[in-house]
Amino acid sequence: MGITEVITAPRSPWQNAYVEHVIGSIRRECLDHIVIFNERHLRRVLSSYVDYYQRTRTHLSLDKDCPDSRPIQHRSVGRVVAIPKVGGLHHRYERLAA
């Protein structure tokens, strides 16, 4: 088939498309909008963003679902409320029971 293996250089995320995509998402959706004060703050923000990325953020490759799938809530359940995520930078929308 003519397929050859290409080894990426160590500590070179720009040579790995998956890592480059994740780093780009973190920068565009999170770090470009927040002023980081110290390492502890950075760790807290990144931990919050990873939780948002896994449980709330939709992905086109998953048919607009998130990796930790959640059930569809019907209109009859109640009104829609916004739940702030990543310090209010992003939101999760859910229906509350009436």
PDB file of N, CA and C in Angstrom:
ATOM      1  N   MET A   1       0.811  -1.186   0.000  1.00  0.00           N
ATOM      2  CA  MET A   1       0.000   0.000   0.000  1.00  0.00           C
ATOM      3  C   MET A   1       0.860   1.257   0.000  1.00  0.00           C
ATOM      4  N   GLY A   2       2.134   1.143   0.272  1.00  0.00           N
ATOM      5  CA  GLY A   2       3.014   2.302   0.253  1.00  0.00           C
ATOM      6  C   GLY A   2       2.894   3.180   1.486  1.00  0.00           C
ATOM      7  N   ILE A   3       2.442   2.617   2.606  1.00  0.00           N
ATOM      8  CA  ILE A   3       2.299   3.397   3.833  1.00  0.00           C
ATOM      9  C   ILE A   3       3.599   3.322   4.611  1.00  0.00           C
ATOM     10  N   THR A   4       4.099   4.476   5.017  1.00  0.00           N
ATOM     11  CA  THR A   4       5.304   4.508   5.836  1.00  0.00           C
ATOM     12  C   THR A   4       4.998   5.211   7.154  1.00  0.00           C
ATOM     13  N   GLU A   5       5.664   4.768   8.198  1.00  0.00           N
ATOM     14  CA  GLU A   5       5.466   5.348   9.523  1.00  0.00           C
ATOM     15  C   GLU A   5       6.337   6.588   9.665  1.00  0.00           C
ATOM     16  N   VAL A   6       5.755   7.661  10.183  1.00  0.00           N
ATOM     17  CA  VAL A   6       6.503   8.887  10.427  1.00  0.00           C
ATOM     18  C   VAL A   6       6.499   9.136  11.927  1.00  0.00           C
ATOM     19  N   ILE A   7       7.666   9.176  12.517  1.00  0.00           N
ATOM     20  CA  ILE A   7       7.803   9.385  13.952  1.00  0.00           C
ATOM     21  C   ILE A   7       7.839  10.893  14.228  1.00  0.00           C
ATOM     22  N   THR A   8       7.013  11.339  15.173  1.00  0.00           N
ATOM     23  CA  THR A   8       7.049  12.760  15.526  1.00  0.00           C
ATOM     24  C   THR A   8       8.197  12.999  16.497  1.00  0.00           C
ATOM     25  N   ALA A   9       8.776  14.164  16.404  1.00  0.00           N
ATOM     26  CA  ALA A   9       9.871  14.532  17.289  1.00  0.00           C
ATOM     27  C   ALA A   9       9.344  14.722  18.707  1.00  0.00           C
ATOM     28  N   PRO A  10      10.146  14.362  19.725  1.00  0.00           N
ATOM     29  CA  PRO A  10       9.692  14.567  21.097  1.00  0.00           C
ATOM     30  C   PRO A  10       9.450  16.049  21.381  1.00  0.00           C
ATOM     31  N   ARG A  11       8.431  16.329  22.179  1.00  0.00           N
ATOM     32  CA  ARG A  11       8.058  17.687  22.580  1.00  0.00           C
ATOM     33  C   ARG A  11       7.757  18.577  21.379  1.00  0.00           C
ATOM     34  N   SER A  12       7.106  18.012  20.390  1.00  0.00           N
ATOM     35  CA  SER A  12       6.731  18.741  19.177  1.00  0.00           C
ATOM     36  C   SER A  12       5.247  18.538  18.895  1.00  0.00           C
ATOM     37  N   PRO A  13       4.360  19.198  19.657  1.00  0.00           N
ATOM     38  CA  PRO A  13       2.927  18.976  19.466  1.00  0.00           C
ATOM     39  C   PRO A  13       2.430  19.420  18.103  1.00  0.00           C
ATOM     40  N   TRP A  14       3.122  20.339  17.427  1.00  0.00           N
ATOM     41  CA  TRP A  14       2.684  20.804  16.117  1.00  0.00           C
ATOM     42  C   TRP A  14       2.808  19.724  15.058  1.00  0.00           C
ATOM     43  N   GLN A  15       3.481  18.622  15.374  1.00  0.00           N
ATOM     44  CA  GLN A  15       3.603  17.511  14.444  1.00  0.00           C
ATOM     45  C   GLN A  15       2.522  16.454  14.676  1.00  0.00           C
ATOM     46  N   ASN A  16       1.711  16.633  15.687  1.00  0.00           N
ATOM     47  CA  ASN A  16       0.645  15.694  16.011  1.00  0.00           C
ATOM     48  C   ASN A  16      -0.683  16.445  15.924  1.00  0.00           C
ATOM     49  N   ALA A  17      -1.487  16.104  14.926  1.00  0.00           N
ATOM     50  CA  ALA A  17      -2.720  16.847  14.666  1.00  0.00           C
ATOM     51  C   ALA A  17      -3.700  16.794  15.829  1.00  0.00           C
ATOM     52  N   TYR A  18      -3.784  15.674  16.543  1.00  0.00           N
ATOM     53  CA  TYR A  18      -4.723  15.552  17.656  1.00  0.00           C
ATOM     54  C   TYR A  18      -4.327  16.468  18.813  1.00  0.00           C
ATOM     55  N   VAL A  19      -3.050  16.453  19.149  1.00  0.00           N
ATOM     56  CA  VAL A  19      -2.570  17.311  20.232  1.00  0.00           C
ATOM     57  C   VAL A  19      -2.702  18.772  19.835  1.00  0.00           C
ATOM     58  N   GLU A  20      -2.391  19.091  18.592  1.00  0.00           N
ATOM     59  CA  GLU A  20      -2.496  20.466  18.107  1.00  0.00           C
ATOM     60  C   GLU A  20      -3.946  20.957  18.201  1.00  0.00           C
ATOM     61  N   HIS A  21      -4.897  20.096  17.875  1.00  0.00           N
ATOM     62  CA  HIS A  21      -6.309  20.470  17.941  1.00  0.00           C
ATOM     63  C   HIS A  21      -6.738  20.756  19.380  1.00  0.00           C
ATOM     64  N   VAL A  22      -6.333  19.910  20.310  1.00  0.00           N
ATOM     65  CA  VAL A  22      -6.707  20.101  21.717  1.00  0.00           C
ATOM     66  C   VAL A  22      -6.071  21.373  22.269  1.00  0.00           C
ATOM     67  N   ILE A  23      -4.787  21.576  21.997  1.00  0.00           N
ATOM     68  CA  ILE A  23      -4.117  22.789  22.481  1.00  0.00           C
ATOM     69  C   ILE A  23      -4.772  24.030  21.875  1.00  0.00           C
ATOM     70  N   GLY A  24      -5.112  23.979  20.597  1.00  0.00           N
ATOM     71  CA  GLY A  24      -5.781  25.108  19.950  1.00  0.00           C
ATOM     72  C   GLY A  24      -7.134  25.390  20.570  1.00  0.00           C
ATOM     73  N   SER A  25      -7.900  24.332  20.880  1.00  0.00           N
ATOM     74  CA  SER A  25      -9.207  24.512  21.518  1.00  0.00           C
ATOM     75  C   SER A  25      -9.062  25.152  22.895  1.00  0.00           C
ATOM     76  N   ILE A  26      -8.088  24.695  23.664  1.00  0.00           N
ATOM     77  CA  ILE A  26      -7.862  25.261  24.999  1.00  0.00           C
ATOM     78  C   ILE A  26      -7.507  26.736  24.887  1.00  0.00           C
ATOM     79  N   ARG A  27      -6.645  27.076  23.955  1.00  0.00           N
ATOM     80  CA  ARG A  27      -6.240  28.478  23.803  1.00  0.00           C
ATOM     81  C   ARG A  27      -7.396  29.344  23.310  1.00  0.00           C
ATOM     82  N   ARG A  28      -8.086  28.911  22.237  1.00  0.00           N
ATOM     83  CA  ARG A  28      -9.154  29.727  21.643  1.00  0.00           C
ATOM     84  C   ARG A  28     -10.356  29.882  22.555  1.00  0.00           C
ATOM     85  N   GLU A  29     -10.773  28.789  23.199  1.00  0.00           N
ATOM     86  CA  GLU A  29     -12.015  28.787  23.956  1.00  0.00           C
ATOM     87  C   GLU A  29     -11.837  29.135  25.431  1.00  0.00           C
ATOM     88  N   CYS A  30     -10.592  29.171  25.906  1.00  0.00           N
ATOM     89  CA  CYS A  30     -10.398  29.366  27.339  1.00  0.00           C
ATOM     90  C   CYS A  30      -9.320  30.408  27.635  1.00  0.00           C
ATOM     91  N   LEU A  31      -8.076  30.103  27.338  1.00  0.00           N
ATOM     92  CA  LEU A  31      -6.969  30.929  27.813  1.00  0.00           C
ATOM     93  C   LEU A  31      -6.878  32.295  27.142  1.00  0.00           C
ATOM     94  N   ASP A  32      -7.415  32.446  25.941  1.00  0.00           N
ATOM     95  CA  ASP A  32      -7.403  33.758  25.282  1.00  0.00           C
ATOM     96  C   ASP A  32      -8.372  34.735  25.940  1.00  0.00           C
ATOM     97  N   HIS A  33      -9.231  34.258  26.832  1.00  0.00           N
ATOM     98  CA  HIS A  33     -10.267  35.095  27.440  1.00  0.00           C
ATOM     99  C   HIS A  33     -10.095  35.280  28.941  1.00  0.00           C
ATOM    100  N   ILE A  34      -9.072  34.679  29.522  1.00  0.00           N
ATOM    101  CA  ILE A  34      -8.885  34.711  30.967  1.00  0.00           C
ATOM    102  C   ILE A  34      -7.460  35.167  31.278  1.00  0.00           C
ATOM    103  N   VAL A  35      -7.318  36.015  32.286  1.00  0.00           N
ATOM    104  CA  VAL A  35      -5.997  36.413  32.767  1.00  0.00           C
ATOM    105  C   VAL A  35      -5.609  35.423  33.865  1.00  0.00           C
ATOM    106  N   ILE A  36      -4.496  34.742  33.665  1.00  0.00           N
ATOM    107  CA  ILE A  36      -4.020  33.741  34.623  1.00  0.00           C
ATOM    108  C   ILE A  36      -3.059  34.410  35.594  1.00  0.00           C
ATOM    109  N   PHE A  37      -3.263  34.206  36.895  1.00  0.00           N
ATOM    110  CA  PHE A  37      -2.446  34.860  37.909  1.00  0.00           C
ATOM    111  C   PHE A  37      -1.258  34.026  38.374  1.00  0.00           C
ATOM    112  N   ASN A  38      -1.429  32.729  38.513  1.00  0.00           N
ATOM    113  CA  ASN A  38      -0.328  31.873  38.959  1.00  0.00           C
ATOM    114  C   ASN A  38      -0.618  30.432  38.537  1.00  0.00           C
ATOM    115  N   GLU A  39       0.277  29.541  38.888  1.00  0.00           N
ATOM    116  CA  GLU A  39       0.144  28.146  38.472  1.00  0.00           C
ATOM    117  C   GLU A  39      -1.101  27.487  39.061  1.00  0.00           C
ATOM    118  N   ARG A  40      -1.407  27.786  40.314  1.00  0.00           N
ATOM    119  CA  ARG A  40      -2.591  27.191  40.946  1.00  0.00           C
ATOM    120  C   ARG A  40      -3.869  27.633  40.231  1.00  0.00           C
ATOM    121  N   HIS A  41      -3.928  28.903  39.851  1.00  0.00           N
ATOM    122  CA  HIS A  41      -5.081  29.411  39.115  1.00  0.00           C
ATOM    123  C   HIS A  41      -5.182  28.741  37.744  1.00  0.00           C
ATOM    124  N   LEU A  42      -4.040  28.581  37.058  1.00  0.00           N
ATOM    125  CA  LEU A  42      -4.030  27.912  35.758  1.00  0.00           C
ATOM    126  C   LEU A  42      -4.539  26.483  35.875  1.00  0.00           C
ATOM    127  N   ARG A  43      -4.093  25.771  36.886  1.00  0.00           N
ATOM    128  CA  ARG A  43      -4.541  24.388  37.077  1.00  0.00           C
ATOM    129  C   ARG A  43      -6.049  24.325  37.334  1.00  0.00           C
ATOM    130  N   ARG A  44      -6.573  25.256  38.127  1.00  0.00           N
ATOM    131  CA  ARG A  44      -8.000  25.282  38.420  1.00  0.00           C
ATOM    132  C   ARG A  44      -8.814  25.585  37.161  1.00  0.00           C
ATOM    133  N   VAL A  45      -8.339  26.551  36.354  1.00  0.00           N
ATOM    134  CA  VAL A  45      -9.041  26.905  35.121  1.00  0.00           C
ATOM    135  C   VAL A  45      -9.006  25.741  34.138  1.00  0.00           C
ATOM    136  N   LEU A  46      -7.841  25.116  33.970  1.00  0.00           N
ATOM    137  CA  LEU A  46      -7.732  23.993  33.036  1.00  0.00           C
ATOM    138  C   LEU A  46      -8.561  22.799  33.491  1.00  0.00           C
ATOM    139  N   SER A  47      -8.605  22.546  34.788  1.00  0.00           N
ATOM    140  CA  SER A  47      -9.429  21.454  35.308  1.00  0.00           C
ATOM    141  C   SER A  47     -10.903  21.723  35.027  1.00  0.00           C
ATOM    142  N   SER A  48     -11.329  22.960  35.216  1.00  0.00           N
ATOM    143  CA  SER A  48     -12.709  23.339  34.941  1.00  0.00           C
ATOM    144  C   SER A  48     -13.007  23.220  33.448  1.00  0.00           C
ATOM    145  N   TYR A  49     -12.062  23.614  32.596  1.00  0.00           N
ATOM    146  CA  TYR A  49     -12.269  23.538  31.148  1.00  0.00           C
ATOM    147  C   TYR A  49     -12.349  22.078  30.680  1.00  0.00           C
ATOM    148  N   VAL A  50     -11.503  21.211  31.227  1.00  0.00           N
ATOM    149  CA  VAL A  50     -11.543  19.793  30.848  1.00  0.00           C
ATOM    150  C   VAL A  50     -12.886  19.184  31.235  1.00  0.00           C
ATOM    151  N   ASP A  51     -13.398  19.541  32.407  1.00  0.00           N
ATOM    152  CA  ASP A  51     -14.720  19.067  32.822  1.00  0.00           C
ATOM    153  C   ASP A  51     -15.785  19.559  31.845  1.00  0.00           C
ATOM    154  N   TYR A  52     -15.727  20.832  31.464  1.00  0.00           N
ATOM    155  CA  TYR A  52     -16.659  21.395  30.480  1.00  0.00           C
ATOM    156  C   TYR A  52     -16.523  20.685  29.135  1.00  0.00           C
ATOM    157  N   TYR A  53     -15.296  20.439  28.708  1.00  0.00           N
ATOM    158  CA  TYR A  53     -15.023  19.814  27.404  1.00  0.00           C
ATOM    159  C   TYR A  53     -15.609  18.404  27.344  1.00  0.00           C
ATOM    160  N   GLN A  54     -15.515  17.655  28.440  1.00  0.00           N
ATOM    161  CA  GLN A  54     -15.984  16.269  28.466  1.00  0.00           C
ATOM    162  C   GLN A  54     -17.494  16.148  28.691  1.00  0.00           C
ATOM    163  N   ARG A  55     -18.071  17.032  29.499  1.00  0.00           N
ATOM    164  CA  ARG A  55     -19.463  16.848  29.918  1.00  0.00           C
ATOM    165  C   ARG A  55     -20.462  17.795  29.271  1.00  0.00           C
ATOM    166  N   THR A  56     -19.988  18.895  28.656  1.00  0.00           N
ATOM    167  CA  THR A  56     -20.924  19.901  28.164  1.00  0.00           C
ATOM    168  C   THR A  56     -20.718  20.250  26.703  1.00  0.00           C
ATOM    169  N   ARG A  57     -19.488  20.462  26.291  1.00  0.00           N
ATOM    170  CA  ARG A  57     -19.199  20.958  24.946  1.00  0.00           C
ATOM    171  C   ARG A  57     -19.591  19.931  23.893  1.00  0.00           C
ATOM    172  N   THR A  58     -20.320  20.395  22.874  1.00  0.00           N
ATOM    173  CA  THR A  58     -20.726  19.488  21.808  1.00  0.00           C
ATOM    174  C   THR A  58     -19.590  19.299  20.811  1.00  0.00           C
ATOM    175  N   HIS A  59     -19.552  18.135  20.170  1.00  0.00           N
ATOM    176  CA  HIS A  59     -18.528  17.785  19.198  1.00  0.00           C
ATOM    177  C   HIS A  59     -19.216  17.330  17.920  1.00  0.00           C
ATOM    178  N   LEU A  60     -18.808  17.883  16.785  1.00  0.00           N
ATOM    179  CA  LEU A  60     -19.415  17.502  15.513  1.00  0.00           C
ATOM    180  C   LEU A  60     -19.190  16.025  15.201  1.00  0.00           C
ATOM    181  N   SER A  61     -18.023  15.488  15.576  1.00  0.00           N
ATOM    182  CA  SER A  61     -17.738  14.085  15.280  1.00  0.00           C
ATOM    183  C   SER A  61     -18.628  13.134  16.075  1.00  0.00           C
ATOM    184  N   LEU A  62     -19.269  13.625  17.122  1.00  0.00           N
ATOM    185  CA  LEU A  62     -20.183  12.807  17.935  1.00  0.00           C
ATOM    186  C   LEU A  62     -21.635  13.178  17.678  1.00  0.00           C
ATOM    187  N   ASP A  63     -21.934  13.708  16.497  1.00  0.00           N
ATOM    188  CA  ASP A  63     -23.288  14.156  16.143  1.00  0.00           C
ATOM    189  C   ASP A  63     -23.814  15.184  17.139  1.00  0.00           C
ATOM    190  N   LYS A  64     -22.994  16.155  17.433  1.00  0.00           N
ATOM    191  CA  LYS A  64     -23.317  17.256  18.355  1.00  0.00           C
ATOM    192  C   LYS A  64     -23.693  16.765  19.747  1.00  0.00           C
ATOM    193  N   ASP A  65     -23.006  15.757  20.204  1.00  0.00           N
ATOM    194  CA  ASP A  65     -23.145  15.270  21.575  1.00  0.00           C
ATOM    195  C   ASP A  65     -21.796  15.479  22.256  1.00  0.00           C
ATOM    196  N   CYS A  66     -21.757  15.329  23.566  1.00  0.00           N
ATOM    197  CA  CYS A  66     -20.486  15.445  24.273  1.00  0.00           C
ATOM    198  C   CYS A  66     -19.966  14.039  24.595  1.00  0.00           C
ATOM    199  N   PRO A  67     -18.652  13.898  24.888  1.00  0.00           N
ATOM    200  CA  PRO A  67     -18.109  12.564  25.175  1.00  0.00           C
ATOM    201  C   PRO A  67     -18.843  11.833  26.293  1.00  0.00           C
ATOM    202  N   ASP A  68     -19.199  12.526  27.376  1.00  0.00           N
ATOM    203  CA  ASP A  68     -20.040  11.932  28.415  1.00  0.00           C
ATOM    204  C   ASP A  68     -21.480  12.250  28.040  1.00  0.00           C
ATOM    205  N   SER A  69     -22.099  11.349  27.320  1.00  0.00           N
ATOM    206  CA  SER A  69     -23.428  11.588  26.755  1.00  0.00           C
ATOM    207  C   SER A  69     -24.449  11.909  27.842  1.00  0.00           C
ATOM    208  N   ARG A  70     -25.418  12.721  27.494  1.00  0.00           N
ATOM    209  CA  ARG A  70     -26.479  13.081  28.426  1.00  0.00           C
ATOM    210  C   ARG A  70     -27.820  12.892  27.736  1.00  0.00           C
ATOM    211  N   PRO A  71     -28.873  12.622  28.492  1.00  0.00           N
ATOM    212  CA  PRO A  71     -30.184  12.366  27.870  1.00  0.00           C
ATOM    213  C   PRO A  71     -30.787  13.646  27.296  1.00  0.00           C
ATOM    214  N   ILE A  72     -31.627  13.474  26.294  1.00  0.00           N
ATOM    215  CA  ILE A  72     -32.352  14.591  25.699  1.00  0.00           C
ATOM    216  C   ILE A  72     -33.500  14.957  26.624  1.00  0.00           C
ATOM    217  N   GLN A  73     -33.655  16.248  26.882  1.00  0.00           N
ATOM    218  CA  GLN A  73     -34.719  16.719  27.761  1.00  0.00           C
ATOM    219  C   GLN A  73     -35.829  17.325  26.906  1.00  0.00           C
ATOM    220  N   HIS A  74     -37.026  16.829  27.085  1.00  0.00           N
ATOM    221  CA  HIS A  74     -38.159  17.279  26.283  1.00  0.00           C
ATOM    222  C   HIS A  74     -38.692  18.621  26.772  1.00  0.00           C
ATOM    223  N   ARG A  75     -39.406  19.319  25.917  1.00  0.00           N
ATOM    224  CA  ARG A  75     -39.940  20.643  26.235  1.00  0.00           C
ATOM    225  C   ARG A  75     -40.856  20.642  27.432  1.00  0.00           C
ATOM    226  N   SER A  76     -41.547  19.560  27.640  1.00  0.00           N
ATOM    227  CA  SER A  76     -42.529  19.507  28.730  1.00  0.00           C
ATOM    228  C   SER A  76     -41.884  19.431  30.111  1.00  0.00           C
ATOM    229  N   VAL A  77     -40.594  19.207  30.188  1.00  0.00           N
ATOM    230  CA  VAL A  77     -39.927  19.044  31.481  1.00  0.00           C
ATOM    231  C   VAL A  77     -39.942  20.335  32.282  1.00  0.00           C
ATOM    232  N   GLY A  78     -39.706  21.478  31.652  1.00  0.00           N
ATOM    233  CA  GLY A  78     -39.687  22.747  32.383  1.00  0.00           C
ATOM    234  C   GLY A  78     -38.948  23.817  31.610  1.00  0.00           C
ATOM    235  N   ARG A  79     -38.649  24.906  32.304  1.00  0.00           N
ATOM    236  CA  ARG A  79     -37.979  26.025  31.647  1.00  0.00           C
ATOM    237  C   ARG A  79     -36.468  25.791  31.557  1.00  0.00           C
ATOM    238  N   VAL A  80     -35.830  26.476  30.618  1.00  0.00           N
ATOM    239  CA  VAL A  80     -34.393  26.336  30.386  1.00  0.00           C
ATOM    240  C   VAL A  80     -33.638  27.308  31.284  1.00  0.00           C
ATOM    241  N   VAL A  81     -32.592  26.806  31.943  1.00  0.00           N
ATOM    242  CA  VAL A  81     -31.725  27.651  32.766  1.00  0.00           C
ATOM    243  C   VAL A  81     -30.292  27.481  32.303  1.00  0.00           C
ATOM    244  N   ALA A  82     -29.495  28.535  32.461  1.00  0.00           N
ATOM    245  CA  ALA A  82     -28.078  28.507  32.098  1.00  0.00           C
ATOM    246  C   ALA A  82     -27.254  28.210  33.344  1.00  0.00           C
ATOM    247  N   ILE A  83     -26.382  27.234  33.240  1.00  0.00           N
ATOM    248  CA  ILE A  83     -25.489  26.882  34.341  1.00  0.00           C
ATOM    249  C   ILE A  83     -24.083  27.306  33.922  1.00  0.00           C
ATOM    250  N   PRO A  84     -23.471  28.280  34.622  1.00  0.00           N
ATOM    251  CA  PRO A  84     -22.152  28.759  34.216  1.00  0.00           C
ATOM    252  C   PRO A  84     -21.078  27.690  34.400  1.00  0.00           C
ATOM    253  N   LYS A  85     -20.185  27.623  33.425  1.00  0.00           N
ATOM    254  CA  LYS A  85     -19.036  26.714  33.457  1.00  0.00           C
ATOM    255  C   LYS A  85     -17.779  27.512  33.162  1.00  0.00           C
ATOM    256  N   VAL A  86     -16.647  27.047  33.607  1.00  0.00           N
ATOM    257  CA  VAL A  86     -15.337  27.678  33.393  1.00  0.00           C
ATOM    258  C   VAL A  86     -15.403  29.139  33.861  1.00  0.00           C
ATOM    259  N   GLY A  87     -15.888  29.347  35.062  1.00  0.00           N
ATOM    260  CA  GLY A  87     -15.957  30.683  35.629  1.00  0.00           C
ATOM    261  C   GLY A  87     -16.909  31.613  34.912  1.00  0.00           C
ATOM    262  N   GLY A  88     -17.932  31.091  34.256  1.00  0.00           N
ATOM    263  CA  GLY A  88     -18.910  31.905  33.544  1.00  0.00           C
ATOM    264  C   GLY A  88     -18.548  32.166  32.095  1.00  0.00           C
ATOM    265  N   LEU A  89     -17.415  31.656  31.643  1.00  0.00           N
ATOM    266  CA  LEU A  89     -16.991  31.849  30.257  1.00  0.00           C
ATOM    267  C   LEU A  89     -17.885  31.067  29.300  1.00  0.00           C
ATOM    268  N   HIS A  90     -18.285  29.882  29.699  1.00  0.00           N
ATOM    269  CA  HIS A  90     -19.188  29.039  28.915  1.00  0.00           C
ATOM    270  C   HIS A  90     -20.382  28.671  29.794  1.00  0.00           C
ATOM    271  N   HIS A  91     -21.426  28.146  29.190  1.00  0.00           N
ATOM    272  CA  HIS A  91     -22.629  27.767  29.936  1.00  0.00           C
ATOM    273  C   HIS A  91     -23.145  26.410  29.464  1.00  0.00           C
ATOM    274  N   ARG A  92     -23.814  25.732  30.371  1.00  0.00           N
ATOM    275  CA  ARG A  92     -24.540  24.510  30.057  1.00  0.00           C
ATOM    276  C   ARG A  92     -26.020  24.820  30.248  1.00  0.00           C
ATOM    277  N   TYR A  93     -26.828  24.443  29.280  1.00  0.00           N
ATOM    278  CA  TYR A  93     -28.253  24.746  29.339  1.00  0.00           C
ATOM    279  C   TYR A  93     -29.031  23.473  29.624  1.00  0.00           C
ATOM    280  N   GLU A  94     -29.858  23.523  30.650  1.00  0.00           N
ATOM    281  CA  GLU A  94     -30.678  22.379  31.033  1.00  0.00           C
ATOM    282  C   GLU A  94     -32.076  22.854  31.365  1.00  0.00           C
ATOM    283  N   ARG A  95     -32.997  21.913  31.346  1.00  0.00           N
ATOM    284  CA  ARG A  95     -34.375  22.209  31.729  1.00  0.00           C
ATOM    285  C   ARG A  95     -34.588  21.792  33.175  1.00  0.00           C
ATOM    286  N   LEU A  96     -35.218  22.672  33.936  1.00  0.00           N
ATOM    287  CA  LEU A  96     -35.569  22.369  35.317  1.00  0.00           C
ATOM    288  C   LEU A  96     -37.008  21.887  35.400  1.00  0.00           C
ATOM    289  N   ALA A  97     -37.225  20.888  36.216  1.00  0.00           N
ATOM    290  CA  ALA A  97     -38.579  20.374  36.392  1.00  0.00           C
ATOM    291  C   ALA A  97     -39.463  21.452  37.000  1.00  0.00           C
ATOM    292  N   ALA A  98     -40.664  21.562  36.480  1.00  0.00           N
ATOM    293  CA  ALA A  98     -41.589  22.606  36.940  1.00  0.00           C
ATOM    294  C   ALA A  98     -42.133  22.311  38.309  1.00  0.00           C
TER     295      ALA A  98
END
